[in-house]
Amino acid sequence: MAEEVTCTAANTDYPMASAMASGTQYLVVYCASACIVSMGEATSATVGVYVGAGQPTVFPVTVTGTTADDKAHVRSATAGAVVRFTSMAN
């Protein structure tokens, strides 16, 4: 599964539209602009992990079956940044 999230406004939290499928073990995050990513909660100045511009980053994940917990959230200082999330299993 792959999903793109557009950060329409700068420094605003945007969640994935769909929860990750069961069996997902890794989430690959890519954006041409730097962004902050968190799992299951809104990003903020103190919540989230920095992903460098143009650097695909792989995160190990555990799918819980709870929709709110199984969605990544993202924010970017660049308005219009498009973040691609790709779910992977072993």
N, C-alpha and C. Protein backbone atom coordinates (compact mmCIF):
# COMPACT_ATOMS: atom_id res chain seq x y z
N MET A 1 0.84 -1.18 0.00
CA MET A 1 0.00 0.00 0.00
C MET A 1 0.88 1.24 0.00
N ALA A 2 0.53 2.21 -0.77
CA ALA A 2 1.21 3.49 -0.78
C ALA A 2 0.15 4.59 -0.75
N GLU A 3 0.48 5.65 -0.05
CA GLU A 3 -0.45 6.77 0.06
C GLU A 3 0.34 8.06 0.10
N GLU A 4 -0.15 9.07 -0.56
CA GLU A 4 0.48 10.39 -0.51
C GLU A 4 -0.39 11.33 0.29
N VAL A 5 0.28 12.13 1.11
CA VAL A 5 -0.40 13.15 1.92
C VAL A 5 0.21 14.49 1.53
N THR A 6 -0.64 15.44 1.15
CA THR A 6 -0.16 16.77 0.79
C THR A 6 -0.31 17.69 1.98
N CYS A 7 0.79 18.31 2.38
CA CYS A 7 0.78 19.28 3.48
C CYS A 7 0.40 20.63 2.87
N THR A 8 -0.87 20.84 2.69
CA THR A 8 -1.38 22.03 2.01
C THR A 8 -0.88 23.31 2.67
N ALA A 9 -0.98 23.39 3.98
CA ALA A 9 -0.51 24.56 4.73
C ALA A 9 0.77 24.18 5.50
N ALA A 10 1.69 25.09 5.59
CA ALA A 10 2.94 24.85 6.31
C ALA A 10 2.67 24.67 7.80
N ASN A 11 3.46 23.82 8.43
CA ASN A 11 3.43 23.60 9.88
C ASN A 11 2.05 23.21 10.41
N THR A 12 1.33 22.40 9.63
CA THR A 12 0.01 21.92 10.02
C THR A 12 0.03 20.39 9.96
N ASP A 13 -0.56 19.74 10.95
CA ASP A 13 -0.59 18.29 11.01
C ASP A 13 -1.60 17.72 10.02
N TYR A 14 -1.16 16.67 9.30
CA TYR A 14 -2.04 15.96 8.37
C TYR A 14 -1.89 14.46 8.62
N PRO A 15 -2.99 13.73 8.86
CA PRO A 15 -2.92 12.28 9.03
C PRO A 15 -3.09 11.57 7.69
N MET A 16 -2.64 10.31 7.64
CA MET A 16 -2.93 9.46 6.49
C MET A 16 -4.44 9.29 6.40
N ALA A 17 -4.96 9.12 5.20
CA ALA A 17 -6.40 8.91 5.04
C ALA A 17 -6.81 7.52 5.51
N SER A 18 -5.94 6.53 5.31
CA SER A 18 -6.25 5.15 5.64
C SER A 18 -5.27 4.61 6.67
N ALA A 19 -5.77 3.74 7.52
CA ALA A 19 -4.89 3.07 8.47
C ALA A 19 -4.05 2.03 7.73
N MET A 20 -2.88 1.73 8.26
CA MET A 20 -2.03 0.70 7.65
C MET A 20 -2.71 -0.65 7.77
N ALA A 21 -2.49 -1.48 6.78
CA ALA A 21 -3.08 -2.82 6.75
C ALA A 21 -2.39 -3.74 7.76
N SER A 22 -3.15 -4.72 8.26
CA SER A 22 -2.53 -5.69 9.15
C SER A 22 -1.42 -6.41 8.38
N GLY A 23 -0.38 -6.77 9.06
CA GLY A 23 0.75 -7.39 8.41
C GLY A 23 1.84 -6.41 8.02
N THR A 24 1.54 -5.11 8.07
CA THR A 24 2.56 -4.11 7.78
C THR A 24 3.61 -4.14 8.87
N GLN A 25 4.87 -4.20 8.48
CA GLN A 25 5.95 -4.22 9.46
C GLN A 25 6.86 -3.01 9.36
N TYR A 26 6.83 -2.34 8.20
CA TYR A 26 7.68 -1.17 8.00
C TYR A 26 6.89 -0.10 7.25
N LEU A 27 7.20 1.14 7.55
CA LEU A 27 6.61 2.26 6.84
C LEU A 27 7.75 3.09 6.29
N VAL A 28 7.78 3.25 4.96
CA VAL A 28 8.80 4.06 4.31
C VAL A 28 8.20 5.44 4.08
N VAL A 29 8.92 6.48 4.51
CA VAL A 29 8.46 7.86 4.36
C VAL A 29 9.42 8.58 3.43
N TYR A 30 8.86 9.25 2.42
CA TYR A 30 9.68 10.04 1.50
C TYR A 30 9.00 11.37 1.21
N CYS A 31 9.80 12.43 1.23
CA CYS A 31 9.31 13.76 0.85
C CYS A 31 10.50 14.55 0.30
N ALA A 32 10.28 15.31 -0.75
CA ALA A 32 11.33 16.14 -1.31
C ALA A 32 11.70 17.28 -0.35
N SER A 33 10.80 17.59 0.58
CA SER A 33 11.04 18.62 1.60
C SER A 33 11.18 17.94 2.97
N ALA A 34 11.86 18.57 3.88
CA ALA A 34 11.97 18.04 5.24
C ALA A 34 10.58 17.99 5.88
N CYS A 35 10.36 17.00 6.73
CA CYS A 35 9.07 16.88 7.41
C CYS A 35 9.25 16.22 8.77
N ILE A 36 8.19 16.24 9.55
CA ILE A 36 8.12 15.60 10.85
C ILE A 36 7.02 14.55 10.77
N VAL A 37 7.29 13.32 11.25
CA VAL A 37 6.34 12.22 11.17
C VAL A 37 6.12 11.62 12.55
N SER A 38 4.87 11.27 12.86
CA SER A 38 4.56 10.56 14.10
C SER A 38 3.53 9.47 13.80
N MET A 39 3.42 8.52 14.70
CA MET A 39 2.45 7.43 14.55
C MET A 39 1.34 7.57 15.58
N GLY A 40 0.11 7.59 15.12
CA GLY A 40 -1.04 7.54 16.01
C GLY A 40 -1.32 8.79 16.80
N GLU A 41 -0.59 9.86 16.57
CA GLU A 41 -0.87 11.12 17.26
C GLU A 41 -0.40 12.28 16.41
N ALA A 42 -1.01 13.43 16.63
CA ALA A 42 -0.69 14.61 15.85
C ALA A 42 0.75 15.06 16.09
N THR A 43 1.40 15.49 15.04
CA THR A 43 2.74 16.05 15.16
C THR A 43 2.65 17.42 15.82
N SER A 44 3.73 17.82 16.45
CA SER A 44 3.80 19.15 17.08
C SER A 44 5.27 19.52 17.22
N ALA A 45 5.53 20.61 17.92
CA ALA A 45 6.91 21.02 18.15
C ALA A 45 7.68 19.99 18.98
N THR A 46 6.95 19.16 19.73
CA THR A 46 7.61 18.18 20.60
C THR A 46 7.27 16.73 20.25
N VAL A 47 6.38 16.49 19.28
CA VAL A 47 5.98 15.13 18.92
C VAL A 47 6.32 14.87 17.46
N GLY A 48 7.09 13.83 17.22
CA GLY A 48 7.42 13.43 15.86
C GLY A 48 8.91 13.28 15.65
N VAL A 49 9.24 12.63 14.54
CA VAL A 49 10.61 12.35 14.15
C VAL A 49 10.92 13.10 12.86
N TYR A 50 12.06 13.75 12.82
CA TYR A 50 12.47 14.51 11.65
C TYR A 50 12.88 13.56 10.52
N VAL A 51 12.39 13.85 9.31
CA VAL A 51 12.80 13.12 8.11
C VAL A 51 13.40 14.17 7.16
N GLY A 52 14.66 13.97 6.81
CA GLY A 52 15.36 14.93 5.96
C GLY A 52 14.81 14.99 4.55
N ALA A 53 14.97 16.12 3.93
CA ALA A 53 14.50 16.34 2.56
C ALA A 53 15.15 15.35 1.60
N GLY A 54 14.33 14.65 0.81
CA GLY A 54 14.83 13.74 -0.19
C GLY A 54 15.49 12.49 0.34
N GLN A 55 15.27 12.17 1.63
CA GLN A 55 15.90 11.00 2.25
C GLN A 55 14.83 9.98 2.64
N PRO A 56 14.62 8.94 1.85
CA PRO A 56 13.65 7.92 2.25
C PRO A 56 14.05 7.35 3.60
N THR A 57 13.10 7.25 4.50
CA THR A 57 13.37 6.78 5.85
C THR A 57 12.43 5.63 6.17
N VAL A 58 12.97 4.55 6.72
CA VAL A 58 12.19 3.36 7.03
C VAL A 58 11.97 3.29 8.54
N PHE A 59 10.70 3.15 8.94
CA PHE A 59 10.34 3.01 10.34
C PHE A 59 9.72 1.64 10.57
N PRO A 60 10.18 0.89 11.59
CA PRO A 60 9.48 -0.33 11.96
C PRO A 60 8.16 0.06 12.64
N VAL A 61 7.08 -0.63 12.34
CA VAL A 61 5.78 -0.31 12.93
C VAL A 61 5.09 -1.58 13.41
N THR A 62 4.17 -1.39 14.33
CA THR A 62 3.32 -2.47 14.81
C THR A 62 1.88 -2.05 14.58
N VAL A 63 1.17 -2.78 13.75
CA VAL A 63 -0.24 -2.47 13.48
C VAL A 63 -1.06 -3.02 14.63
N THR A 64 -1.86 -2.13 15.24
CA THR A 64 -2.63 -2.49 16.43
C THR A 64 -4.05 -2.94 16.13
N GLY A 65 -4.57 -2.54 14.96
CA GLY A 65 -5.97 -2.82 14.64
C GLY A 65 -6.89 -1.69 15.05
N THR A 66 -6.34 -0.68 15.72
CA THR A 66 -7.10 0.52 16.09
C THR A 66 -6.79 1.60 15.06
N THR A 67 -7.79 2.01 14.30
CA THR A 67 -7.58 2.93 13.18
C THR A 67 -6.77 4.16 13.56
N ALA A 68 -7.12 4.83 14.64
CA ALA A 68 -6.42 6.06 15.03
C ALA A 68 -4.94 5.80 15.31
N ASP A 69 -4.63 4.65 15.89
CA ASP A 69 -3.24 4.32 16.22
C ASP A 69 -2.43 3.89 15.00
N ASP A 70 -3.11 3.43 13.97
CA ASP A 70 -2.43 2.86 12.80
C ASP A 70 -2.32 3.84 11.64
N LYS A 71 -2.46 5.13 11.92
CA LYS A 71 -2.27 6.16 10.90
C LYS A 71 -1.06 7.01 11.26
N ALA A 72 -0.20 7.24 10.26
CA ALA A 72 0.91 8.16 10.45
C ALA A 72 0.39 9.59 10.28
N HIS A 73 1.07 10.51 10.93
CA HIS A 73 0.77 11.94 10.79
C HIS A 73 2.04 12.62 10.30
N VAL A 74 1.87 13.73 9.59
CA VAL A 74 3.03 14.44 9.05
C VAL A 74 2.77 15.94 9.06
N ARG A 75 3.86 16.69 9.14
CA ARG A 75 3.82 18.15 8.96
C ARG A 75 5.11 18.56 8.30
N SER A 76 5.05 19.62 7.52
CA SER A 76 6.24 20.14 6.85
C SER A 76 6.21 21.66 6.93
N ALA A 77 7.38 22.25 7.01
CA ALA A 77 7.48 23.72 7.00
C ALA A 77 7.25 24.26 5.58
N THR A 78 7.19 23.37 4.60
CA THR A 78 6.99 23.75 3.21
C THR A 78 5.54 23.51 2.79
N ALA A 79 4.80 24.59 2.55
CA ALA A 79 3.42 24.44 2.09
C ALA A 79 3.41 23.73 0.75
N GLY A 80 2.50 22.76 0.60
CA GLY A 80 2.37 22.01 -0.63
C GLY A 80 3.27 20.79 -0.71
N ALA A 81 4.06 20.53 0.33
CA ALA A 81 4.94 19.35 0.32
C ALA A 81 4.09 18.08 0.22
N VAL A 82 4.53 17.14 -0.61
CA VAL A 82 3.83 15.87 -0.77
C VAL A 82 4.68 14.78 -0.12
N VAL A 83 4.08 14.09 0.85
CA VAL A 83 4.78 13.04 1.59
C VAL A 83 4.21 11.70 1.15
N ARG A 84 5.08 10.78 0.76
CA ARG A 84 4.66 9.45 0.32
C ARG A 84 4.96 8.44 1.41
N PHE A 85 3.92 7.72 1.82
CA PHE A 85 4.03 6.64 2.79
C PHE A 85 3.86 5.33 2.06
N THR A 86 4.80 4.42 2.21
CA THR A 86 4.70 3.09 1.60
C THR A 86 4.79 2.04 2.69
N SER A 87 3.77 1.20 2.81
CA SER A 87 3.75 0.13 3.80
C SER A 87 4.42 -1.11 3.22
N MET A 88 5.19 -1.80 4.06
CA MET A 88 5.89 -3.00 3.61
C MET A 88 5.78 -4.09 4.66
N ALA A 89 5.75 -5.32 4.20
CA ALA A 89 5.80 -6.49 5.07
C ALA A 89 7.06 -7.26 4.72
N ASN A 90 7.48 -8.17 5.58
CA ASN A 90 8.66 -8.99 5.29
C ASN A 90 8.42 -9.90 4.13
